[in-house]
C-alpha atoms as a PDB file:
ATOM      1  CA  LEU A   1      33.183 154.818  87.187  1.00  0.00           C
ATOM      2  CA  LEU A   2      30.578 154.590  90.439  1.00  0.00           C
ATOM      3  CA  TYR A   3      28.041 156.430  88.082  1.00  0.00           C
ATOM      4  CA  LEU A   4      28.186 153.965  85.618  1.00  0.00           C
ATOM      5  CA  SER A   5      26.304 151.410  87.490  1.00  0.00           C
ATOM      6  CA  ASP A   6      23.077 153.737  88.431  1.00  0.00           C
ATOM      7  CA  GLY A   7      22.622 155.028  84.593  1.00  0.00           C
ATOM      8  CA  LYS A   8      24.073 158.288  85.138  1.00  0.00           C
ATOM      9  CA  ILE A   9      26.711 158.144  82.188  1.00  0.00           C
ATOM     10  CA  ASP A  10      27.600 155.374  79.694  1.00  0.00           C
ATOM     11  CA  ASP A  11      31.207 153.694  78.326  1.00  0.00           C
ATOM     12  CA  THR A  12      30.969 156.212  75.563  1.00  0.00           C
ATOM     13  CA  GLU A  13      31.544 159.508  77.807  1.00  0.00           C
ATOM     14  CA  LEU A  14      34.937 157.542  80.055  1.00  0.00           C
ATOM     15  CA  PRO A  15      38.196 158.171  78.669  1.00  0.00           C
ATOM     16  CA  HIS A  16      40.186 156.228  76.953  1.00  0.00           C
ATOM     17  CA  HIS A  17      43.110 154.873  79.517  1.00  0.00           C
ATOM     18  CA  MET A  18      45.737 156.855  77.573  1.00  0.00           C
ATOM     19  CA  LYS A  19      43.870 159.965  78.357  1.00  0.00           C
ATOM     20  CA  ILE A  20      43.536 159.629  81.632  1.00  0.00           C
ATOM     21  CA  THR A  21      47.389 158.547  81.429  1.00  0.00           C
ATOM     22  CA  GLN A  22      47.904 161.572  79.946  1.00  0.00           C
ATOM     23  CA  MET A  23      46.001 163.514  82.710  1.00  0.00           C
ATOM     24  CA  VAL A  24      47.440 161.563  85.555  1.00  0.00           C
ATOM     25  CA  LEU A  25      51.268 162.998  84.334  1.00  0.00           C
ATOM     26  CA  ASP A  26      49.806 166.684  83.659  1.00  0.00           C
ATOM     27  CA  GLU A  27      49.129 166.813  87.364  1.00  0.00           C
ATOM     28  CA  TYR A  28      51.786 164.943  88.657  1.00  0.00           C
ATOM     29  CA  HIS A  29      54.201 167.873  86.517  1.00  0.00           C
ATOM     30  CA  ARG A  30      52.173 170.978  87.966  1.00  0.00           C
ATOM     31  CA  GLU A  31      52.398 169.620  91.664  1.00  0.00           C
ATOM     32  CA  TYR A  32      55.763 168.742  91.546  1.00  0.00           C
ATOM     33  CA  ASN A  33      56.786 172.524  89.619  1.00  0.00           C
ATOM     34  CA  ARG A  34      54.329 173.957  92.514  1.00  0.00           C
ATOM     35  CA  ALA A  35      56.415 171.865  95.403  1.00  0.00           C
ATOM     36  CA  LYS A  36      59.541 173.226  93.809  1.00  0.00           C
ATOM     37  CA  ASP A  37      58.545 176.685  93.643  1.00  0.00           C
ATOM     38  CA  ASP A  38      57.243 176.576  97.432  1.00  0.00           C
ATOM     39  CA  ILE A  39      60.781 175.207  98.523  1.00  0.00           C
ATOM     40  CA  LYS A  40      62.663 177.182  96.455  1.00  0.00           C
ATOM     41  CA  ASN A  41      61.065 180.350  97.944  1.00  0.00           C
ATOM     42  CA  ALA A  42      60.727 178.895 101.410  1.00  0.00           C
ATOM     43  CA  LEU A  43      61.757 181.441 104.523  1.00  0.00           C
ATOM     44  CA  GLY A  44      64.539 180.262 107.008  1.00  0.00           C
ATOM     45  CA  ARG A  45      65.415 176.473 107.058  1.00  0.00           C
ATOM     46  CA  ILE A  46      63.938 173.158 105.868  1.00  0.00           C
ATOM     47  CA  SER A  47      63.451 170.515 107.813  1.00  0.00           C
ATOM     48  CA  MET A  48      63.207 166.836 106.665  1.00  0.00           C
ATOM     49  CA  THR A  49      62.227 163.632 108.319  1.00  0.00           C
ATOM     50  CA  THR A  50      61.411 159.974 107.070  1.00  0.00           C
ATOM     51  CA  ASP A  51      59.985 156.976 107.594  1.00  0.00           C
ATOM     52  CA  LEU A  52      60.630 153.386 106.434  1.00  0.00           C
ATOM     53  CA  TRP A  53      58.404 150.656 106.583  1.00  0.00           C
ATOM     54  CA  SER A  54      57.760 147.150 105.127  1.00  0.00           C
ATOM     55  CA  ASP A  55      54.844 145.270 104.153  1.00  0.00           C
ATOM     56  CA  PRO A  56      53.658 141.649 105.261  1.00  0.00           C
ATOM     57  CA  ASN A  57      55.281 140.447 101.427  1.00  0.00           C
ATOM     58  CA  HIS A  58      58.410 142.276 102.604  1.00  0.00           C
ATOM     59  CA  ASP A  59      57.558 145.429 100.024  1.00  0.00           C
ATOM     60  CA  SER A  60      59.731 148.371 101.329  1.00  0.00           C
ATOM     61  CA  TYR A  61      58.572 152.036 101.672  1.00  0.00           C
ATOM     62  CA  MET A  62      60.033 155.237 101.991  1.00  0.00           C
ATOM     63  CA  ALA A  63      58.447 157.848 102.932  1.00  0.00           C
ATOM     64  CA  VAL A  64      60.273 161.912 102.998  1.00  0.00           C
ATOM     65  CA  THR A  65      58.784 165.185 104.097  1.00  0.00           C
ATOM     66  CA  ALA A  66      60.104 168.406 104.072  1.00  0.00           C
ATOM     67  CA  HIS A  67      58.917 170.855 106.437  1.00  0.00           C
ATOM     68  CA  PHE A  68      59.080 174.989 105.422  1.00  0.00           C
ATOM     69  CA  MET A  69      57.532 178.221 106.273  1.00  0.00           C
ATOM     70  CA  THR A  70      56.087 179.867 102.880  1.00  0.00           C
ATOM     71  CA  ARG A  71      54.514 183.515 102.844  1.00  0.00           C
END
């Protein structure tokens, strides 16, 4: 989108918002399956860590991280 103002692409070359949504979902599923396979084939134990926080608007967030070894 940054190129749009420089005249390098025009509106007709931008994908439809539904196409972008589908591209993002497809990539999510690929990465999800890759991570699932990596964890399934981990060598030894899997260590988990978590972090909880909230922003100034009191929206809560939680992050979960898995540490493991692969070949």
